[in-house]
Amino acid sequence: MTTERTERKQVVVVGAGWAGLGAAYHLARQGYAVTLLEAGAYPGGLVAGWQTPQGRAVEAGIHGFWYPYRNIFALTDHLGIQPFTEWTRSAQYSPHGLEVESPLFQAQPYLPTPLGTFLYTDFKRLPLIDRLSALPLLQALIDFDNSDEAWQKYDRITARELFRQYGVSARLYHESFEPMLLVGLFAPGEQCSAAAALGMLYYFILAHQPDFDVRWCRGTVGAQIFRPWTEAIARAGGKILANHRVSDVQVENNRVTAVVCGDEVFEADAVVFAVGISGLKKIVQQSAQLRERQEFRDIRNLGAVDVLATRLWCDRKVNIPLPSNACFGFHPTTGWTFFDLNAIHDEYRNEPGTVVEADYYHANQLLALDDDQVLRQVQQDLAGCIPAFGEAKILDHSVVRIPQGVTHFAPGSYRYLLPATTSFNNLFMAGDWIVTRHGSWSQEKAYVTGLEAANHVIAALGQGQPAEILPVIPDEPHIQALRSVNRWVRQGLQGLPSFWLP
């Protein structure tokens, strides 16, 4: 069937995660006839929540909202909702026990970056000499300014090689940096781009002292944020169609004129693709029009990482000192986190037993296990951090397997990542893997790129006001000064002949 055209300009947005919802909401408010197509049963993509047959709330992993998420916090303020907990502290465990406790950095006396991060974090076992070995890495953080030139330079090597080159101690790498990579970039250091590692570490931890402070949703993100957001989109005139998997596009005069979902055709004056790498690969595979373009064929050079999300309802209260916890050393190439949902989610505050979420990243070897095997492994890992979990009985559970679920920023991948604009005049891209100079990461980046895509649509079609996008907080003065000196030195060296491999 073919949708009817109206006088309003038609925009089709593909993918109803942070990026797609962001683009759809702004464009609907600007008077466009927006149709949002979601392949899954619920808007929200990987952060959508749903109910089990027993009526318990589950979601595909727990997602944090860090201090620098200025645009997402502005969105929730605009929607008039208060979905977040207070700012929380976090801990880190290894098979040896508690390794690190983080304070509320914003509550500490402010120190120039990165002093506060190093001085206020409570390392239980990591010697001072190992922590000091990170200081030379500041040179790379100064050099990496999120420019295209910096990405091309550092994307050629692995994060592990970067830390080795700058003299980071083996213990600091294995007990601090690699755990951050496993839960931040979802892969071990030898499989992570050094550029992505520098960008992620700077944005979440090192740019400003409070950046590592985090809040959580007081329930599932789907219920707390996406449900009121989708209702606002509907009130603005947008249509959201779940269970609509895109199979092709129609093209005329270098413009995408329609998006095809099986036997349904949605005509369009502009299109925004706001899907992950795995989803886009499936679309390109089916679409002859997209396969003709090198930029879309090159998507097959990109990859994604497996995730395993589990939720356990236990028969007794287990004392979990802090609500969010990262773990390392339990599995060689897998990072994992666990969360006290009694402390985070409103619905579990008075639960008689413990509700705990344990999420595994780069979980390739775990996805093949059946549920009973997964539960045994999860309980064993939890007991390795907090022994009382070993005595608990699991009353109910949820196991969510997400193959190829999150972006893999592998070394050499930058050249294949897509910018917001494409070779089609009216097809724009959004998502946490899209190239942007904004500087944000993860959910905030996905939402920002959705707004950027909406602004490209407005510029192309000439209707409406562009979305206001809050920039990241500027670098501190001493970082700005050091980066200025660094750029001056680089420019001075450009005229010299070079025969080294870049």
Protein backbone atom coordinates (compact mmCIF):
# COMPACT_ATOMS: atom_id res chain seq x y z
CA MET A 1 0.00 0.00 0.00
CA THR A 2 1.09 3.61 -0.51
CA THR A 3 0.64 6.28 2.13
CA GLU A 4 -1.28 9.40 1.16
CA ARG A 5 0.70 12.59 0.74
CA THR A 6 -0.45 15.79 2.40
CA GLU A 7 0.58 19.38 1.84
CA ARG A 8 3.01 19.15 4.71
CA LYS A 9 6.47 17.97 3.78
CA GLN A 10 6.96 14.30 4.56
CA VAL A 11 9.91 13.06 6.59
CA VAL A 12 10.51 9.38 7.28
CA VAL A 13 12.74 8.56 10.25
CA VAL A 14 14.02 5.00 10.49
CA GLY A 15 14.81 3.79 14.01
CA ALA A 16 13.13 4.83 17.26
CA GLY A 17 16.07 5.06 19.64
CA TRP A 18 17.58 8.23 21.09
CA ALA A 19 18.64 9.48 17.64
CA GLY A 20 15.40 8.72 15.80
CA LEU A 21 13.13 10.03 18.53
CA GLY A 22 15.24 13.18 18.79
CA ALA A 23 14.98 13.87 15.05
CA ALA A 24 11.28 12.96 14.88
CA TYR A 25 10.24 15.10 17.83
CA HIS A 26 11.94 18.26 16.65
CA LEU A 27 10.73 17.88 13.06
CA ALA A 28 7.15 17.17 14.14
CA ARG A 29 7.20 20.31 16.27
CA GLN A 30 8.38 22.26 13.21
CA GLY A 31 5.32 21.22 11.23
CA TYR A 32 6.65 18.29 9.23
CA ALA A 33 4.55 15.18 8.64
CA VAL A 34 6.85 12.73 10.39
CA THR A 35 6.56 8.95 10.17
CA LEU A 36 8.88 7.08 12.53
CA LEU A 37 9.50 3.44 11.58
CA GLU A 38 10.77 1.02 14.25
CA ALA A 39 11.66 -2.59 13.41
CA GLY A 40 11.06 -3.78 16.98
CA ALA A 41 7.88 -4.10 18.97
CA TYR A 42 8.63 -1.02 21.10
CA PRO A 43 10.07 2.43 20.44
CA GLY A 44 13.45 2.84 22.08
CA GLY A 45 15.75 0.41 20.36
CA LEU A 46 18.19 -1.17 22.79
CA VAL A 47 17.00 0.93 25.71
CA ALA A 48 13.31 0.08 25.36
CA GLY A 49 11.74 -1.60 28.37
CA TRP A 50 8.94 -4.14 28.43
CA GLN A 51 7.04 -6.43 30.77
CA THR A 52 7.65 -10.14 31.34
CA PRO A 53 4.61 -12.49 31.31
CA GLN A 54 4.64 -12.14 35.12
CA GLY A 55 4.37 -8.35 34.80
CA ARG A 56 7.94 -7.58 35.88
CA ALA A 57 9.78 -4.74 34.19
CA VAL A 58 12.90 -5.63 32.19
CA GLU A 59 15.07 -3.88 29.62
CA ALA A 60 18.10 -4.59 27.48
CA GLY A 61 20.67 -3.47 30.03
CA ILE A 62 20.97 -0.55 32.44
CA HIS A 63 22.00 2.81 31.00
CA GLY A 64 23.57 5.62 32.99
CA PHE A 65 23.13 9.37 32.53
CA TRP A 66 26.40 11.14 33.16
CA TYR A 67 27.04 14.68 34.28
CA PRO A 68 27.91 15.98 30.76
CA TYR A 69 24.55 14.81 29.26
CA ARG A 70 23.37 18.41 28.96
CA ASN A 71 21.05 17.88 25.99
CA ILE A 72 19.28 14.86 27.44
CA PHE A 73 18.74 16.66 30.74
CA ALA A 74 17.37 19.65 28.79
CA LEU A 75 14.99 17.28 26.99
CA THR A 76 13.58 15.78 30.18
CA ASP A 77 13.16 19.28 31.61
CA HIS A 78 11.30 20.29 28.45
CA LEU A 79 9.04 17.23 28.70
CA GLY A 80 8.30 18.10 32.30
CA ILE A 81 9.41 14.72 33.66
CA GLN A 82 11.76 13.81 36.49
CA PRO A 83 12.92 10.30 35.61
CA PHE A 84 16.32 10.27 37.32
CA THR A 85 17.73 9.28 40.69
CA GLU A 86 19.99 11.59 42.62
CA TRP A 87 23.68 11.55 41.67
CA THR A 88 25.21 8.26 42.80
CA ARG A 89 28.59 6.88 43.74
CA SER A 90 30.04 3.75 42.14
CA ALA A 91 32.48 0.96 42.93
CA GLN A 92 34.73 -1.46 41.09
CA TYR A 93 35.39 -5.10 41.96
CA SER A 94 37.84 -7.81 40.94
CA PRO A 95 38.02 -11.45 42.09
CA HIS A 96 40.18 -10.08 44.95
CA GLY A 97 37.28 -7.95 46.22
CA LEU A 98 36.57 -4.23 46.28
CA GLU A 99 39.15 -2.31 44.24
CA VAL A 100 37.87 1.25 43.81
CA GLU A 101 35.23 3.56 45.23
CA SER A 102 34.38 6.82 43.49
CA PRO A 103 33.09 9.85 45.41
CA LEU A 104 30.59 12.38 44.19
CA PHE A 105 33.15 14.47 42.39
CA GLN A 106 30.92 17.56 42.23
CA ALA A 107 30.78 17.54 46.04
CA GLN A 108 34.58 17.74 46.35
CA PRO A 109 36.64 20.96 46.24
CA TYR A 110 37.22 21.69 42.56
CA LEU A 111 40.71 21.00 41.22
CA PRO A 112 42.05 21.56 37.70
CA THR A 113 41.61 18.50 35.55
CA PRO A 114 42.81 15.77 35.87
CA LEU A 115 43.91 16.28 39.50
CA GLY A 116 40.49 15.73 41.03
CA THR A 117 40.02 12.42 39.25
CA PHE A 118 43.34 11.11 40.54
CA LEU A 119 43.22 12.51 44.07
CA TYR A 120 39.60 11.94 45.07
CA THR A 121 39.14 8.43 43.69
CA ASP A 122 39.64 5.86 46.46
CA PHE A 123 41.89 3.11 45.07
CA LYS A 124 42.00 0.25 47.58
CA ARG A 125 44.94 -1.68 46.15
CA LEU A 126 46.45 0.12 43.17
CA PRO A 127 49.82 1.62 44.23
CA LEU A 128 50.51 5.31 43.75
CA ILE A 129 53.46 4.59 41.43
CA ASP A 130 51.11 2.81 39.01
CA ARG A 131 48.62 5.68 39.08
CA LEU A 132 51.40 8.18 38.38
CA SER A 133 52.36 6.22 35.27
CA ALA A 134 49.20 7.65 33.63
CA LEU A 135 50.52 11.22 33.66
CA PRO A 136 52.44 11.02 30.33
CA LEU A 137 49.14 10.02 28.71
CA LEU A 138 48.04 13.62 29.20
CA GLN A 139 50.11 14.50 26.14
CA ALA A 140 47.92 12.28 23.94
CA LEU A 141 44.75 13.66 25.52
CA ILE A 142 45.94 17.18 24.68
CA ASP A 143 46.80 16.15 21.12
CA PHE A 144 43.45 14.41 20.56
CA ASP A 145 41.07 17.35 20.02
CA ASN A 146 38.24 15.39 18.32
CA SER A 147 39.16 16.87 14.95
CA ASP A 148 39.12 14.78 11.79
CA GLU A 149 42.91 14.95 11.74
CA ALA A 150 43.16 13.62 15.30
CA TRP A 151 40.73 10.77 14.61
CA GLN A 152 42.67 9.71 11.53
CA LYS A 153 45.94 9.80 13.44
CA TYR A 154 44.92 7.82 16.52
CA ASP A 155 42.39 5.50 14.90
CA ARG A 156 45.25 3.61 13.23
CA ILE A 157 46.48 2.06 16.49
CA THR A 158 44.87 0.11 19.30
CA ALA A 159 44.14 1.54 22.72
CA ARG A 160 46.48 -1.04 24.24
CA GLU A 161 49.32 0.10 22.01
CA LEU A 162 48.62 3.74 22.89
CA PHE A 163 48.86 3.06 26.63
CA ARG A 164 52.02 1.01 26.09
CA GLN A 165 53.65 3.78 24.05
CA TYR A 166 53.00 6.33 26.80
CA GLY A 167 54.44 4.14 29.55
CA VAL A 168 51.26 3.20 31.42
CA SER A 169 52.14 0.44 33.88
CA ALA A 170 50.82 -3.06 33.24
CA ARG A 171 48.91 -3.04 36.51
CA LEU A 172 47.26 0.33 35.84
CA TYR A 173 46.27 -0.83 32.37
CA HIS A 174 44.78 -4.16 33.51
CA GLU A 175 43.10 -2.82 36.65
CA SER A 176 41.91 0.58 35.47
CA PHE A 177 42.07 1.47 31.79
CA GLU A 178 41.04 -1.84 30.26
CA PRO A 179 38.03 -2.22 32.60
CA MET A 180 36.94 1.26 31.50
CA LEU A 181 37.25 0.21 27.86
CA LEU A 182 35.30 -3.01 28.44
CA VAL A 183 32.31 -1.19 29.94
CA GLY A 184 32.68 2.07 27.96
CA LEU A 185 33.64 0.87 24.47
CA PHE A 186 32.54 -2.75 25.06
CA ALA A 187 35.76 -4.42 23.91
CA PRO A 188 39.27 -5.17 25.23
CA GLY A 189 42.04 -2.69 24.57
CA GLU A 190 43.65 -4.64 21.73
CA GLN A 191 40.32 -4.43 19.87
CA CYS A 192 39.58 -0.73 20.52
CA SER A 193 40.60 2.27 18.47
CA ALA A 194 42.97 4.55 20.37
CA ALA A 195 41.01 7.52 19.04
CA ALA A 196 37.76 6.20 20.46
CA ALA A 197 39.47 5.41 23.77
CA LEU A 198 40.84 8.95 24.09
CA GLY A 199 37.50 10.50 23.18
CA MET A 200 35.53 8.32 25.58
CA LEU A 201 37.94 8.71 28.51
CA TYR A 202 38.15 12.47 28.08
CA TYR A 203 34.38 13.01 27.79
CA PHE A 204 33.29 10.79 30.67
CA ILE A 205 36.19 11.17 33.11
CA LEU A 206 38.93 13.67 32.42
CA ALA A 207 37.52 16.84 30.83
CA HIS A 208 36.07 18.19 34.08
CA GLN A 209 36.07 16.90 37.64
CA PRO A 210 32.30 16.13 37.92
CA ASP A 211 32.03 14.34 34.56
CA PHE A 212 32.11 10.83 36.05
CA ASP A 213 29.12 11.54 38.32
CA VAL A 214 26.11 9.57 37.12
CA ARG A 215 22.37 9.30 37.62
CA TRP A 216 20.05 6.43 36.72
CA CYS A 217 16.49 6.06 35.56
CA ARG A 218 14.08 5.36 38.43
CA GLY A 219 12.56 2.59 36.29
CA THR A 220 13.04 1.40 32.74
CA VAL A 221 14.09 4.09 30.27
CA GLY A 222 11.22 2.96 28.06
CA ALA A 223 8.62 3.69 30.73
CA GLN A 224 10.22 6.70 32.36
CA ILE A 225 11.44 8.64 29.30
CA PHE A 226 10.42 7.12 25.99
CA ARG A 227 6.73 6.69 26.80
CA PRO A 228 6.13 10.39 27.61
CA TRP A 229 8.44 11.34 24.74
CA THR A 230 6.52 9.27 22.18
CA GLU A 231 3.26 10.69 23.53
CA ALA A 232 4.69 14.18 22.93
CA ILE A 233 5.63 13.20 19.37
CA ALA A 234 2.07 11.99 18.76
CA ARG A 235 0.64 15.23 20.15
CA ALA A 236 2.92 17.14 17.75
CA GLY A 237 1.44 15.17 14.85
CA GLY A 238 4.12 12.52 14.35
CA LYS A 239 3.28 8.88 13.67
CA ILE A 240 5.26 6.03 15.24
CA LEU A 241 4.87 2.62 13.62
CA ALA A 242 6.44 -0.34 15.45
CA ASN A 243 7.13 -3.71 13.79
CA HIS A 244 8.06 -1.95 10.54
CA ARG A 245 11.36 -3.25 9.20
CA VAL A 246 12.75 -1.27 6.28
CA SER A 247 13.57 -3.40 3.24
CA ASP A 248 14.41 -0.86 0.53
CA VAL A 249 14.32 2.73 -0.61
CA GLN A 250 13.14 4.32 -3.83
CA VAL A 251 15.41 6.88 -5.51
CA GLU A 252 14.87 9.52 -8.16
CA ASN A 253 17.23 12.31 -9.23
CA ASN A 254 19.62 11.50 -6.38
CA ARG A 255 16.86 11.85 -3.81
CA VAL A 256 15.27 9.13 -1.70
CA THR A 257 11.61 9.51 -2.60
CA ALA A 258 10.20 6.66 -0.51
CA VAL A 259 11.06 4.11 2.16
CA VAL A 260 9.79 0.56 1.67
CA CYS A 261 8.68 -1.82 4.44
CA GLY A 262 7.58 -5.04 2.74
CA ASP A 263 4.43 -4.12 0.81
CA GLU A 264 4.12 -0.66 2.39
CA VAL A 265 5.66 2.40 0.77
CA PHE A 266 6.17 5.62 2.70
CA GLU A 267 6.81 8.58 0.42
CA ALA A 268 9.28 11.16 1.66
CA ASP A 269 10.72 14.58 0.99
CA ALA A 270 13.58 13.71 3.36
CA VAL A 271 14.74 10.61 5.21
CA VAL A 272 16.74 10.12 8.41
CA PHE A 273 18.39 6.76 9.08
CA ALA A 274 18.82 6.49 12.86
CA VAL A 275 19.71 2.83 13.22
CA GLY A 276 22.74 1.01 14.53
CA ILE A 277 25.43 -0.58 12.40
CA SER A 278 23.83 -4.03 12.47
CA GLY A 279 20.44 -2.65 11.48
CA LEU A 280 21.88 -0.59 8.64
CA LYS A 281 23.80 -3.60 7.31
CA LYS A 282 20.52 -5.50 7.01
CA ILE A 283 18.87 -2.63 5.16
CA VAL A 284 21.80 -2.22 2.77
CA GLN A 285 21.89 -5.96 2.11
CA GLN A 286 18.29 -5.84 0.86
CA SER A 287 18.45 -2.52 -1.01
CA ALA A 288 19.90 -2.41 -4.50
CA GLN A 289 19.74 1.40 -4.42
CA LEU A 290 21.93 1.63 -1.32
CA ARG A 291 24.33 -1.11 -2.42
CA GLU A 292 25.19 0.98 -5.46
CA ARG A 293 26.87 3.55 -3.21
CA GLN A 294 30.38 2.92 -1.91
CA GLU A 295 29.67 4.64 1.41
CA PHE A 296 26.91 2.14 2.21
CA ARG A 297 28.82 -0.89 0.95
CA ASP A 298 31.66 0.15 3.25
CA ILE A 299 29.36 -0.32 6.26
CA ARG A 300 30.22 -4.01 6.03
CA ASN A 301 33.71 -3.08 7.25
CA LEU A 302 32.20 -2.03 10.58
CA GLY A 303 31.25 -4.33 13.42
CA ALA A 304 29.26 -4.56 16.61
CA VAL A 305 29.65 -6.26 19.99
CA ASP A 306 27.52 -8.87 21.76
CA VAL A 307 25.79 -7.97 25.02
CA LEU A 308 24.13 -10.15 27.65
CA ALA A 309 21.69 -8.49 30.08
CA THR A 310 20.39 -10.42 33.08
CA ARG A 311 18.03 -9.51 35.90
CA LEU A 312 17.65 -11.64 39.05
CA TRP A 313 14.95 -11.57 41.72
CA CYS A 314 16.47 -13.13 44.86
CA ASP A 315 14.78 -14.48 47.98
CA ARG A 316 16.70 -12.33 50.49
CA LYS A 317 18.23 -8.95 51.00
CA VAL A 318 21.88 -8.78 50.00
CA ASN A 319 23.76 -5.70 51.15
CA ILE A 320 25.16 -4.01 48.03
CA PRO A 321 27.13 -1.00 49.33
CA LEU A 322 26.78 1.17 46.20
CA PRO A 323 24.09 1.07 43.49
CA SER A 324 26.36 0.75 40.43
CA ASN A 325 29.42 -1.46 40.16
CA ALA A 326 31.90 -2.36 37.41
CA CYS A 327 33.94 -5.56 37.49
CA PHE A 328 37.17 -6.79 35.93
CA GLY A 329 39.34 -9.88 36.02
CA PHE A 330 36.48 -12.40 36.04
CA HIS A 331 36.58 -13.09 32.27
CA PRO A 332 39.63 -12.34 30.08
CA THR A 333 37.92 -10.26 27.37
CA THR A 334 34.52 -9.51 28.92
CA GLY A 335 33.55 -6.60 31.10
CA TRP A 336 30.48 -6.62 33.30
CA THR A 337 28.52 -4.42 35.64
CA PHE A 338 25.91 -5.02 38.32
CA PHE A 339 23.28 -2.71 39.75
CA ASP A 340 21.21 -2.66 42.92
CA LEU A 341 17.73 -2.11 41.50
CA ASN A 342 16.26 -1.87 45.01
CA ALA A 343 18.21 1.39 45.31
CA ILE A 344 17.68 2.62 41.73
CA HIS A 345 14.15 1.67 40.63
CA ASP A 346 11.15 3.00 42.52
CA GLU A 347 9.11 -0.18 42.06
CA TYR A 348 11.69 -2.31 43.89
CA ARG A 349 12.42 -0.07 46.89
CA ASN A 350 10.12 -2.09 49.15
CA GLU A 351 10.80 -5.48 47.55
CA PRO A 352 11.36 -8.12 50.27
CA GLY A 353 14.28 -9.63 48.37
CA THR A 354 17.12 -8.29 46.24
CA VAL A 355 16.64 -7.31 42.60
CA VAL A 356 19.97 -7.11 40.81
CA GLU A 357 20.89 -6.47 37.18
CA ALA A 358 24.14 -7.91 35.77
CA ASP A 359 25.14 -6.86 32.24
CA TYR A 360 28.02 -8.34 30.25
CA TYR A 361 29.78 -6.61 27.34
CA HIS A 362 31.84 -8.32 24.65
CA ALA A 363 29.88 -11.35 25.81
CA ASN A 364 30.51 -13.46 22.69
CA GLN A 365 31.30 -16.67 24.56
CA LEU A 366 28.35 -16.28 26.94
CA LEU A 367 25.54 -15.98 24.41
CA ALA A 368 25.72 -19.68 23.55
CA LEU A 369 24.90 -20.71 27.15
CA ASP A 370 21.34 -21.69 28.03
CA ASP A 371 19.51 -19.75 30.74
CA ASP A 372 20.43 -22.14 33.55
CA GLN A 373 24.12 -21.94 32.62
CA VAL A 374 23.92 -18.15 32.42
CA LEU A 375 22.29 -17.93 35.87
CA ARG A 376 24.95 -20.14 37.45
CA GLN A 377 27.69 -17.98 35.93
CA VAL A 378 26.04 -14.73 37.00
CA GLN A 379 25.50 -15.92 40.57
CA GLN A 380 29.09 -17.15 40.75
CA ASP A 381 30.38 -13.79 39.52
CA LEU A 382 28.18 -11.84 41.92
CA ALA A 383 29.34 -14.00 44.82
CA GLY A 384 32.93 -13.26 43.78
CA CYS A 385 32.20 -9.61 44.53
CA ILE A 386 29.73 -9.93 47.41
CA PRO A 387 29.85 -13.44 48.97
CA ALA A 388 26.25 -13.27 50.29
CA PHE A 389 24.98 -13.74 46.73
CA GLY A 390 26.27 -17.31 46.90
CA GLU A 391 23.58 -18.17 49.49
CA ALA A 392 20.70 -16.45 47.72
CA LYS A 393 18.01 -18.36 45.85
CA ILE A 394 16.87 -17.00 42.48
CA LEU A 395 13.08 -16.72 42.46
CA ASP A 396 12.71 -15.23 38.98
CA HIS A 397 15.00 -14.04 36.23
CA SER A 398 15.29 -12.41 32.84
CA VAL A 399 18.05 -13.20 30.33
CA VAL A 400 18.29 -10.94 27.28
CA ARG A 401 20.80 -11.83 24.56
CA ILE A 402 21.74 -9.00 22.22
CA PRO A 403 24.03 -10.30 19.46
CA GLN A 404 25.89 -7.53 17.63
CA GLY A 405 24.06 -5.06 19.82
CA VAL A 406 26.42 -2.12 20.39
CA THR A 407 28.92 -0.28 18.24
CA HIS A 408 32.46 -1.62 18.02
CA PHE A 409 34.95 1.21 17.54
CA ALA A 410 37.69 -1.03 16.19
CA PRO A 411 41.09 0.25 15.06
CA GLY A 412 40.81 1.50 11.48
CA SER A 413 37.03 1.85 11.60
CA TYR A 414 36.90 5.64 11.45
CA ARG A 415 37.33 5.77 7.68
CA TYR A 416 34.08 3.80 7.27
CA LEU A 417 31.92 5.66 9.77
CA LEU A 418 29.31 7.83 8.08
CA PRO A 419 28.86 11.57 8.58
CA ALA A 420 25.41 13.10 9.01
CA THR A 421 25.15 13.89 5.30
CA THR A 422 25.29 11.28 2.55
CA SER A 423 25.70 11.26 -1.24
CA PHE A 424 21.90 11.45 -1.50
CA ASN A 425 20.62 15.02 -1.37
CA ASN A 426 17.95 14.30 1.21
CA LEU A 427 19.14 11.26 3.20
CA PHE A 428 20.74 12.01 6.57
CA MET A 429 22.27 9.84 9.27
CA ALA A 430 22.09 9.80 13.08
CA GLY A 431 23.27 7.49 15.85
CA ASP A 432 26.03 6.94 18.37
CA TRP A 433 28.39 5.75 15.59
CA ILE A 434 27.94 8.73 13.26
CA VAL A 435 30.84 11.17 12.86
CA THR A 436 30.19 14.43 14.68
CA ARG A 437 32.42 17.18 16.00
CA HIS A 438 30.19 17.71 19.02
CA GLY A 439 32.40 15.63 21.32
CA SER A 440 29.71 13.68 23.21
CA TRP A 441 29.41 9.90 23.54
CA SER A 442 26.87 7.12 23.99
CA GLN A 443 23.22 8.10 24.56
CA GLU A 444 23.98 11.82 24.56
CA LYS A 445 25.80 11.49 21.25
CA ALA A 446 22.92 9.53 19.71
CA TYR A 447 20.43 12.20 20.78
CA VAL A 448 22.67 15.05 19.59
CA THR A 449 23.15 13.46 16.16
CA GLY A 450 19.37 13.08 15.92
CA LEU A 451 19.03 16.83 16.44
CA GLU A 452 21.83 17.46 13.93
CA ALA A 453 20.01 15.30 11.37
CA ALA A 454 16.80 17.25 11.99
CA ASN A 455 18.71 20.47 11.35
CA HIS A 456 20.02 19.08 8.05
CA VAL A 457 16.44 18.27 7.03
CA ILE A 458 15.34 21.81 7.90
CA ALA A 459 18.23 23.28 5.89
CA ALA A 460 17.42 21.05 2.91
CA LEU A 461 13.65 21.59 2.89
CA GLY A 462 13.56 25.18 4.10
CA GLN A 463 10.87 24.83 6.73
CA GLY A 464 11.08 25.44 10.48
CA GLN A 465 13.67 26.53 13.01
CA PRO A 466 16.78 24.44 13.74
CA ALA A 467 17.08 22.65 17.05
CA GLU A 468 19.24 24.24 19.70
CA ILE A 469 22.12 21.90 20.56
CA LEU A 470 24.03 22.58 23.75
CA PRO A 471 27.79 22.19 23.20
CA VAL A 472 29.96 20.20 25.54
CA ILE A 473 31.33 22.27 28.41
CA PRO A 474 34.48 24.05 27.14
CA ASP A 475 37.90 22.73 28.04
CA GLU A 476 39.42 24.20 31.16
CA PRO A 477 41.78 27.17 30.52
CA HIS A 478 45.00 25.22 31.03
CA ILE A 479 43.82 22.52 28.60
CA GLN A 480 42.86 25.16 26.04
CA ALA A 481 46.29 26.76 26.38
CA LEU A 482 48.10 23.43 26.02
CA ARG A 483 46.04 22.54 22.95
CA SER A 484 46.81 25.90 21.37
CA VAL A 485 50.53 25.29 21.88
CA ASN A 486 50.15 21.78 20.51
CA ARG A 487 48.40 23.04 17.36
CA TRP A 488 51.08 25.69 16.89
CA VAL A 489 53.81 23.03 17.09
CA ARG A 490 51.98 20.74 14.67
CA GLN A 491 51.51 23.55 12.16
CA GLY A 492 55.20 24.40 12.40
CA LEU A 493 56.13 20.82 11.58
CA GLN A 494 53.84 20.55 8.56
CA GLY A 495 56.40 22.11 6.24
CA LEU A 496 59.10 19.60 7.13
CA PRO A 497 59.56 16.48 4.97
CA SER A 498 58.39 13.28 6.65
CA PHE A 499 59.20 9.71 5.67
CA TRP A 500 57.70 7.97 8.72
CA LEU A 501 54.54 5.92 8.48
CA PRO A 502 51.73 8.14 9.81
